[in-house]
Every structure is written in structure tokens, then in C-alpha cells.
Amino acid sequence: MPPSYINVGAWVGADTMVGLVGNDLYIVDNPGDQVVEPAGPPGGILPVLVSSSTAGAQGFNPSSNPVASADARYVAFTSTADLTTGNNLGQSDVFVKDVQTGTLTRVSSGFSGLGGGGGNVSISGDGRFVLFDSPAGNLVAGDTNVAYDVFIRDMQGGIQRVSTDSN
């Protein structure tokens, strides 16, 4: 496969960028870096494929909206790809990839265990908290307003709805 180049990205710190090549997200050292698939392993030499399953399998649908923790270890993003069991293919879910260990966590799943969809993602500097919006009613108990709500996921705990207005 010929090399591709990072064409869209967000700087993380002084020398790391999370960027998009085709449908996939990568972490690279500089904009314009070459990406030859397959990319390096988690914790290895950059570039590293972010939008992949914990086992390293590449998804078939687009991933986008990457945001990273201050040290770029954790990258939150949205994807319609088949990256975990129980995805709603074609519906965007929110994920966090631990680039150091390769672990991928679907953030937009709640008490039901099913993906609830989500977008407009943000991550805390230490990667512990992920904020996102979702129209799903299955992320927390009692969410019956049939509207987009804002949620915060504690990666060491559970998920809470932080918008409680019924509108």
C-alpha cells in the first residue's frame, strides 16, 4: 500500500498530532508524516493506529473528532466502525484508546451494555473523564426525555448525565 499523509489533525503538546488518514485516526510526530499501513503497535514507534480494536483490528467505517489527553496517552474519538462487540454500526459511538496499552473502551455504553451513540467528545487532561452528548436513553437509568443529553464518563467508574433539563 502506498504511504498516505496526515491531512487533518489536532496538536497534542509540542510534538504530537492526532490526525486522520482516510477513515482511520493515527498519532504522529509531525503534520505531513507518512503513514504506511499497518502502523506501529501501541506503545511503539509513531505513527500508531488509534481507530482499531483492542486486538488491533482496523474498523471498516469512518472515525473522527479525535481529542487527546495532555500527554497523548488517551485519545477519545467518535466512530461508526465495528471496533467493539455491541456497536450500533452506522451510528456513531464514543471510544477512548489507551495508546500505550492498546486498550479500547466504548464510552457511550451504559447500564444496558449496548452502544448508545454519541458525539461532541472532550477528554480531561489526565484522560480520566470523557464528556460527550448522546440522544440515547439507555446510558443511565431514568433518561426518558427523548432528547440529546450531555454525559460524563469516569474511566475508573461509571457514567452520569450532567444535563438534566427536560428540554
Foldseek 3Di string as FASTA:
>chain_A
DDWFFFDDWDDQPDFWTWGDDPQWIWIARDGGDTDDPPADAQQDHDTHTFQAALVRHHFDWHKDDWDAANVRQKIKTWTLTCRDPQGPRPAIWIWIARSNNSHIDGQQAAPVRHHQGWDPWDAYNVRQKIKTKGQGPHHDPPSDLSGIFIKMQGNVDGIDTPDDDSD
